[in-house]
């Protein structure tokens, strides 16, 4: 299991990568964009597989769909905030440590979800840039 710090570092690196892809889209660097789209297809597929496995494991074998996870994240955060208020009043160190571990795991899971969503957004940017380049090339060839 990655630590929260490692997850945040990965998230920061991925955000910079998306910025690079946007730059390539502005430059209309088709070869770079197509290579990035191919890499993202693999990454998105792997992220979906990983997320599905975590959901199945966390729900003790219950089958849920990706959309269910996304819609339940907000509810989990609300419950975590309510639990945090309750924890403020507890003095038992073991209980507090256990709840801290659960909260950290929630943060790690949320970052995993954010990374998956970021992959999807990056893929959409690359795909849109390639489609725009195709349209511009087609328009130019017909003039």
Protein backbone atom coordinates (compact mmCIF):
# COMPACT_ATOMS: atom_id res chain seq x y z
CA UNK A 1 0.00 0.00 0.00
CA UNK A 2 1.35 3.42 -0.96
CA UNK A 3 1.59 6.07 1.69
CA UNK A 4 -0.48 9.22 1.47
CA UNK A 5 2.69 11.19 0.72
CA UNK A 6 3.55 8.85 -2.17
CA UNK A 7 0.00 9.13 -3.50
CA UNK A 8 0.12 12.94 -3.38
CA UNK A 9 3.49 12.96 -5.13
CA UNK A 10 2.11 10.69 -7.88
CA UNK A 11 -0.94 12.93 -8.22
CA UNK A 12 1.32 16.01 -8.58
CA UNK A 13 3.46 14.26 -11.22
CA UNK A 14 0.39 13.20 -13.17
CA UNK A 15 -1.03 16.74 -13.11
CA UNK A 16 2.25 18.04 -14.58
CA UNK A 17 2.03 15.35 -17.26
CA UNK A 18 -1.47 16.52 -18.20
CA UNK A 19 -0.05 20.04 -18.54
CA UNK A 20 2.60 18.67 -20.95
CA UNK A 21 -0.11 16.96 -23.00
CA UNK A 22 -2.05 20.21 -23.23
CA UNK A 23 1.15 21.85 -24.46
CA UNK A 24 1.53 19.16 -27.13
CA UNK A 25 -2.08 19.75 -28.16
CA UNK A 26 -1.38 23.46 -28.55
CA UNK A 27 1.69 22.64 -30.65
CA UNK A 28 -0.34 20.15 -32.69
CA UNK A 29 2.37 17.51 -32.15
CA UNK A 30 0.34 14.61 -33.55
CA UNK A 31 2.97 11.88 -33.10
CA UNK A 32 3.43 12.79 -29.44
CA UNK A 33 -0.32 12.96 -28.90
CA UNK A 34 -0.94 9.58 -30.55
CA UNK A 35 1.83 7.99 -28.48
CA UNK A 36 0.34 9.53 -25.34
CA UNK A 37 -3.15 8.26 -26.28
CA UNK A 38 -1.80 4.71 -26.70
CA UNK A 39 -0.06 4.88 -23.32
CA UNK A 40 -3.17 6.32 -21.70
CA UNK A 41 -5.36 3.56 -23.09
CA UNK A 42 -3.20 1.03 -21.27
CA UNK A 43 -3.08 3.17 -18.12
CA UNK A 44 -6.86 3.77 -18.07
CA UNK A 45 -7.51 0.05 -18.55
CA UNK A 46 -5.10 -0.85 -15.75
CA UNK A 47 -6.61 1.80 -13.44
CA UNK A 48 -10.12 0.52 -14.08
CA UNK A 49 -9.02 -3.05 -13.37
CA UNK A 50 -7.26 -1.98 -10.16
CA UNK A 51 -10.24 0.08 -9.00
CA UNK A 52 -12.66 -2.74 -9.71
CA UNK A 53 -10.51 -5.15 -7.72
CA UNK A 54 -10.36 -2.77 -4.75
CA UNK A 55 -14.12 -2.32 -4.77
CA UNK A 56 -14.71 -6.06 -4.83
CA UNK A 57 -12.20 -6.59 -2.04
CA UNK A 58 -13.58 -3.73 0.08
CA UNK A 59 -17.16 -4.88 -0.31
CA UNK A 60 -16.26 -8.49 0.63
CA UNK A 61 -17.13 -9.95 -2.72
CA UNK A 62 -20.14 -7.80 -3.55
CA UNK A 63 -20.18 -6.74 -7.15
CA UNK A 64 -20.49 -3.01 -7.68
CA UNK A 65 -19.99 -0.90 -10.72
CA UNK A 66 -17.57 1.93 -11.16
CA UNK A 67 -20.38 4.49 -11.22
CA UNK A 68 -21.57 3.27 -7.82
CA UNK A 69 -18.12 3.96 -6.36
CA UNK A 70 -18.05 7.45 -7.81
CA UNK A 71 -21.50 8.29 -6.45
CA UNK A 72 -20.69 6.86 -3.01
CA UNK A 73 -17.44 8.83 -2.56
CA UNK A 74 -19.28 11.96 -1.44
CA UNK A 75 -21.25 9.96 1.11
CA UNK A 76 -18.02 8.41 2.43
CA UNK A 77 -16.49 11.84 2.89
CA UNK A 78 -19.54 13.05 4.80
CA UNK A 79 -19.35 10.00 7.07
CA UNK A 80 -15.60 10.54 7.53
CA UNK A 81 -16.20 14.15 8.59
CA UNK A 82 -18.89 13.02 11.06
CA UNK A 83 -16.54 10.33 12.39
CA UNK A 84 -13.76 12.93 12.72
CA UNK A 85 -16.00 15.07 14.95
CA UNK A 86 -16.76 12.00 17.07
CA UNK A 87 -13.05 11.10 17.29
CA UNK A 88 -12.27 14.51 18.75
CA UNK A 89 -14.04 13.38 21.92
CA UNK A 90 -12.41 9.96 22.20
CA UNK A 91 -9.35 9.47 24.37
CA UNK A 92 -8.56 5.81 23.74
CA UNK A 93 -5.25 5.78 21.84
CA UNK A 94 -5.81 2.41 20.14
CA UNK A 95 -9.21 3.47 18.82
CA UNK A 96 -7.80 6.78 17.63
CA UNK A 97 -4.91 5.06 15.84
CA UNK A 98 -7.25 2.60 14.14
CA UNK A 99 -9.54 5.39 12.99
CA UNK A 100 -6.52 7.36 11.70
CA UNK A 101 -5.51 4.34 9.60
CA UNK A 102 -9.05 4.09 8.22
CA UNK A 103 -9.04 7.82 7.38
CA UNK A 104 -5.64 7.49 5.69
CA UNK A 105 -6.91 4.56 3.64
CA UNK A 106 -9.95 6.65 2.63
CA UNK A 107 -7.55 9.38 1.47
CA UNK A 108 -5.45 6.85 -0.48
CA UNK A 109 -8.61 5.45 -2.12
CA UNK A 110 -9.81 8.96 -2.97
CA UNK A 111 -6.45 9.76 -4.57
CA UNK A 112 -6.63 6.49 -6.56
CA UNK A 113 -10.05 7.59 -7.78
CA UNK A 114 -8.73 11.07 -8.62
CA UNK A 115 -5.81 9.55 -10.55
CA UNK A 116 -8.21 7.38 -12.53
CA UNK A 117 -10.41 10.36 -13.31
CA UNK A 118 -7.31 12.38 -14.25
CA UNK A 119 -6.28 9.60 -16.67
CA UNK A 120 -9.72 9.78 -18.27
CA UNK A 121 -9.52 13.57 -18.57
CA UNK A 122 -6.04 13.39 -20.07
CA UNK A 123 -7.23 10.79 -22.57
CA UNK A 124 -10.15 13.04 -23.55
CA UNK A 125 -7.78 16.01 -24.06
CA UNK A 126 -5.49 13.97 -26.29
CA UNK A 127 -8.41 12.53 -28.25
CA UNK A 128 -9.92 16.01 -28.73
CA UNK A 129 -6.59 17.45 -29.90
CA UNK A 130 -6.14 14.66 -32.43
CA UNK A 131 -9.72 15.10 -33.68
CA UNK A 132 -9.13 18.87 -34.06
CA UNK A 133 -5.90 18.23 -35.97
CA UNK A 134 -7.71 15.78 -38.27
CA UNK A 135 -10.48 18.31 -38.90
CA UNK A 136 -7.98 21.13 -39.58
CA UNK A 137 -5.96 18.89 -41.95
CA UNK A 138 -9.10 17.83 -43.80
CA UNK A 139 -10.29 21.43 -44.12
CA UNK A 140 -6.87 22.53 -45.40
CA UNK A 141 -6.72 19.74 -47.97
CA UNK A 142 -10.08 20.73 -49.44
CA UNK A 143 -9.18 24.38 -49.98
